[in-house]
Amino acid sequence: MAAAHGHLSDGNDAPLPFQHAVDALLRARARHEVELDPVPPPKRLAPHAYALEAAVVVDDEELGDGRLVLLYDPDGQEGWNGTFRLVTLVRAELEPEIAADPLLPEVSWSWLTGALEGRGAAFTAAGGTVSRSSSHHFGALAEREDSTRIEIRASWTPIAPSGGVPDMAAHLAAWCDLVCTCAGLPPAPAEPCPPAGGGPSVVPLPKRRGPQQTR
């Protein structure tokens, strides 16, 4: 499906590099399990911002979700090493035995870096956290199954060619791969956002019990 259409909150006053980056996101295509929608971006992280929300839907069940925010500051910011920055939050519900794996945080982080490398999305200054939490139900809710959730918060700077704009279509494709991997889907065979660089070499998460209820 095509990426969600939207408009710049800055209107025609947005700098051209930022407009071109957003246009690239709007023209890109996501794998068919991913539904993309523009959402209001944060207003205090950078002078210019654009945000997309993703839902992974299979057989009418929502299996995962995430949010991607594109930031642009013509002057750059400390730690960015550039004028653009991508920020994401991705969440998924896990089987308890999977969540107990001591290597889960390292593996989960590799899903992001592997997706970026697999799509040829050049990046630098990546950082983030991987968290997991468990919910146990008691009393009137005791019949509900316990649940364990993983949450990936990350940001990275897309590298642009000299004097140009980063390949945002490749970064969107990598992000869609990350959301789908967290939702338990295998890597996409050959349905990437252009340019195609092949699916990332990462281990997919075993499919969860049921749809996620986070949106």
Protein backbone atom coordinates (compact mmCIF):
# COMPACT_ATOMS: atom_id res chain seq x y z
CA MET A 1 0.00 0.00 0.00
CA ALA A 2 1.11 3.56 -0.55
CA ALA A 3 2.29 5.65 2.34
CA ALA A 4 -0.40 7.85 3.84
CA HIS A 5 -0.96 11.17 2.19
CA GLY A 6 -0.77 14.27 4.32
CA HIS A 7 0.45 17.82 4.32
CA LEU A 8 3.21 19.74 6.00
CA SER A 9 2.16 21.44 9.19
CA ASP A 10 4.59 24.18 8.16
CA GLY A 11 2.80 24.67 4.84
CA ASN A 12 4.80 26.19 2.01
CA ASP A 13 7.01 27.99 4.55
CA ALA A 14 8.93 24.79 5.38
CA PRO A 15 12.54 24.69 4.13
CA LEU A 16 12.96 22.87 0.83
CA PRO A 17 15.15 20.05 2.25
CA PHE A 18 12.43 19.24 4.78
CA GLN A 19 9.69 19.42 2.13
CA HIS A 20 11.66 17.07 -0.12
CA ALA A 21 12.21 14.62 2.75
CA VAL A 22 8.50 14.55 3.61
CA ASP A 23 7.56 14.19 -0.06
CA ALA A 24 9.83 11.14 -0.24
CA LEU A 25 7.98 9.60 2.72
CA LEU A 26 4.63 10.27 1.06
CA ARG A 27 5.71 8.73 -2.25
CA ALA A 28 7.23 5.63 -0.68
CA ARG A 29 5.40 2.31 -0.59
CA ALA A 30 5.09 0.11 2.49
CA ARG A 31 4.68 -3.66 2.56
CA HIS A 32 1.03 -4.63 2.33
CA GLU A 33 0.65 -5.58 6.02
CA VAL A 34 1.51 -2.05 7.13
CA GLU A 35 -1.09 0.71 7.33
CA LEU A 36 0.38 4.21 7.56
CA ASP A 37 -1.34 7.37 8.71
CA PRO A 38 0.00 10.88 9.34
CA VAL A 39 -0.39 12.06 12.93
CA PRO A 40 0.31 15.40 14.63
CA PRO A 41 4.07 15.67 15.20
CA PRO A 42 5.71 16.93 18.40
CA LYS A 43 6.32 20.66 18.29
CA ARG A 44 9.22 21.17 20.68
CA LEU A 45 11.84 18.72 19.48
CA ALA A 46 12.86 20.65 16.36
CA PRO A 47 11.75 23.63 14.27
CA HIS A 48 10.18 21.28 11.70
CA ALA A 49 8.65 17.84 12.23
CA TYR A 50 6.48 15.27 10.48
CA ALA A 51 5.09 12.07 11.98
CA LEU A 52 3.62 8.79 10.77
CA GLU A 53 1.89 6.05 12.70
CA ALA A 54 1.97 2.43 11.55
CA ALA A 55 -0.28 -0.52 12.31
CA VAL A 56 0.61 -4.06 11.26
CA VAL A 57 -2.66 -5.74 10.26
CA VAL A 58 -3.00 -9.39 9.24
CA ASP A 59 -6.39 -11.04 8.72
CA ASP A 60 -8.09 -8.00 10.25
CA GLU A 61 -6.03 -8.33 13.44
CA GLU A 62 -3.66 -5.59 14.54
CA LEU A 63 -0.42 -7.29 15.52
CA GLY A 64 1.80 -4.32 16.23
CA ASP A 65 2.17 -0.58 16.01
CA GLY A 66 4.74 2.15 15.98
CA ARG A 67 5.36 5.82 15.37
CA LEU A 68 8.07 7.47 13.29
CA VAL A 69 8.92 11.17 13.62
CA LEU A 70 11.06 13.05 11.13
CA LEU A 71 12.80 16.06 12.67
CA TYR A 72 14.63 18.82 10.82
CA ASP A 73 16.73 21.61 12.27
CA PRO A 74 18.75 23.63 9.72
CA ASP A 75 21.29 24.38 12.47
CA GLY A 76 21.50 20.79 13.70
CA GLN A 77 21.39 19.80 17.36
CA GLU A 78 23.85 18.34 19.82
CA GLY A 79 24.33 14.63 19.19
CA TRP A 80 22.61 14.60 15.81
CA ASN A 81 25.67 14.88 13.56
CA GLY A 82 23.36 16.28 10.89
CA THR A 83 20.28 18.38 10.27
CA PHE A 84 17.76 15.51 10.12
CA ARG A 85 16.82 13.08 12.88
CA LEU A 86 14.43 10.12 12.93
CA VAL A 87 12.78 9.10 16.20
CA THR A 88 10.66 6.01 16.74
CA LEU A 89 8.65 4.10 19.30
CA VAL A 90 7.69 0.49 18.51
CA ARG A 91 5.76 -1.83 20.82
CA ALA A 92 4.92 -5.52 20.71
CA GLU A 93 3.40 -8.13 23.00
CA LEU A 94 5.51 -11.24 23.58
CA GLU A 95 5.13 -14.74 24.85
CA PRO A 96 6.54 -14.86 28.41
CA GLU A 97 9.20 -17.42 27.51
CA ILE A 98 10.45 -15.22 24.68
CA ALA A 99 10.52 -12.16 26.91
CA ALA A 100 12.60 -14.07 29.46
CA ASP A 101 15.42 -14.59 26.96
CA PRO A 102 18.43 -12.70 28.39
CA LEU A 103 19.59 -11.84 24.86
CA LEU A 104 16.28 -10.27 23.87
CA PRO A 105 17.43 -6.61 24.25
CA GLU A 106 20.52 -7.17 22.07
CA VAL A 107 18.52 -9.10 19.47
CA SER A 108 15.79 -6.47 19.43
CA TRP A 109 18.32 -3.68 18.88
CA SER A 110 19.81 -5.66 16.01
CA TRP A 111 16.39 -5.64 14.34
CA LEU A 112 16.72 -1.88 13.92
CA THR A 113 20.34 -1.72 12.81
CA GLY A 114 19.92 -4.79 10.61
CA ALA A 115 16.84 -3.32 8.94
CA LEU A 116 18.65 -0.06 8.17
CA GLU A 117 21.68 -1.87 6.79
CA GLY A 118 19.51 -4.29 4.82
CA ARG A 119 17.69 -1.44 3.09
CA GLY A 120 20.85 0.50 2.37
CA ALA A 121 19.67 3.35 4.61
CA ALA A 122 22.88 5.08 5.66
CA PHE A 123 22.79 6.31 9.25
CA THR A 124 24.89 7.50 12.16
CA ALA A 125 24.57 8.40 15.85
CA ALA A 126 21.95 5.72 16.55
CA GLY A 127 20.84 5.35 20.14
CA GLY A 128 17.91 4.02 22.10
CA THR A 129 16.50 1.72 24.72
CA VAL A 130 14.82 -1.67 24.73
CA SER A 131 12.41 -2.24 27.60
CA ARG A 132 10.22 -5.17 28.58
CA SER A 133 7.42 -5.27 31.12
CA SER A 134 4.98 -7.89 32.35
CA SER A 135 1.33 -7.57 33.39
CA HIS A 136 -0.32 -10.01 35.80
CA HIS A 137 -4.07 -10.01 36.43
CA PHE A 138 -5.85 -10.61 39.72
CA GLY A 139 -9.33 -10.63 41.21
CA ALA A 140 -12.05 -10.03 38.64
CA LEU A 141 -9.38 -9.99 35.92
CA ALA A 142 -7.69 -13.22 36.99
CA GLU A 143 -8.99 -15.11 33.97
CA ARG A 144 -7.01 -12.92 31.61
CA GLU A 145 -3.70 -14.31 30.41
CA ASP A 146 -0.55 -12.67 31.67
CA SER A 147 1.16 -10.53 29.07
CA THR A 148 4.67 -9.30 28.42
CA ARG A 149 5.51 -6.34 26.23
CA ILE A 150 8.65 -5.13 24.54
CA GLU A 151 9.16 -1.48 23.71
CA ILE A 152 11.87 -0.08 21.46
CA ARG A 153 12.61 3.64 21.62
CA ALA A 154 15.29 4.76 19.23
CA SER A 155 16.61 7.64 17.19
CA TRP A 156 19.20 7.94 14.46
CA THR A 157 20.54 10.45 11.96
CA PRO A 158 20.00 9.60 8.28
CA ILE A 159 23.12 10.34 6.26
CA ALA A 160 22.59 12.49 3.18
CA PRO A 161 24.83 12.75 0.15
CA SER A 162 26.84 15.94 0.06
CA GLY A 163 24.43 18.83 -0.30
CA GLY A 164 21.46 16.49 -0.68
CA VAL A 165 18.58 14.95 1.24
CA PRO A 166 18.75 11.49 2.90
CA ASP A 167 17.02 8.59 1.15
CA MET A 168 13.88 8.74 3.29
CA ALA A 169 12.16 5.99 1.28
CA ALA A 170 14.89 3.56 2.35
CA HIS A 171 14.60 4.66 5.98
CA LEU A 172 10.83 4.22 5.88
CA ALA A 173 11.25 0.75 4.41
CA ALA A 174 13.68 -0.17 7.18
CA TRP A 175 11.31 1.17 9.82
CA CYS A 176 8.42 -0.84 8.37
CA ASP A 177 10.67 -3.92 8.56
CA LEU A 178 11.35 -3.18 12.22
CA VAL A 179 7.65 -2.82 13.08
CA CYS A 180 6.80 -6.03 11.20
CA THR A 181 9.61 -7.96 12.87
CA CYS A 182 8.42 -6.85 16.29
CA ALA A 183 4.92 -7.98 15.31
CA GLY A 184 6.27 -11.46 14.57
CA LEU A 185 6.22 -11.30 10.76
CA PRO A 186 9.04 -12.74 8.66
CA PRO A 187 11.13 -10.41 6.47
CA ALA A 188 9.37 -9.21 3.33
CA PRO A 189 10.42 -11.17 0.20
CA ALA A 190 10.48 -8.42 -2.42
CA GLU A 191 8.02 -5.64 -1.66
CA PRO A 192 10.23 -2.85 -0.33
CA CYS A 193 9.97 0.88 -0.44
CA PRO A 194 12.36 1.95 -3.20
CA PRO A 195 15.28 1.55 -3.43
CA ALA A 196 15.16 -2.20 -2.89
CA GLY A 197 18.09 -3.62 -1.00
CA GLY A 198 16.72 -6.96 0.12
CA GLY A 199 15.29 -7.83 3.51
CA PRO A 200 17.46 -7.47 6.59
CA SER A 201 19.22 -10.51 8.00
CA VAL A 202 17.55 -10.56 11.40
CA VAL A 203 15.76 -13.21 13.39
CA PRO A 204 11.97 -12.64 13.39
CA LEU A 205 10.05 -12.74 16.63
CA PRO A 206 7.77 -15.77 17.09
CA LYS A 207 4.14 -14.84 16.49
CA ARG A 208 2.31 -13.57 19.53
CA ARG A 209 -0.86 -14.93 21.08
CA GLY A 210 -3.19 -12.33 19.64
CA PRO A 211 -3.67 -8.75 18.50
CA GLN A 212 -2.11 -5.90 20.39
CA GLN A 213 -4.35 -3.45 22.18
CA THR A 214 -2.23 -0.33 22.43
CA ARG A 215 -3.76 2.13 20.03
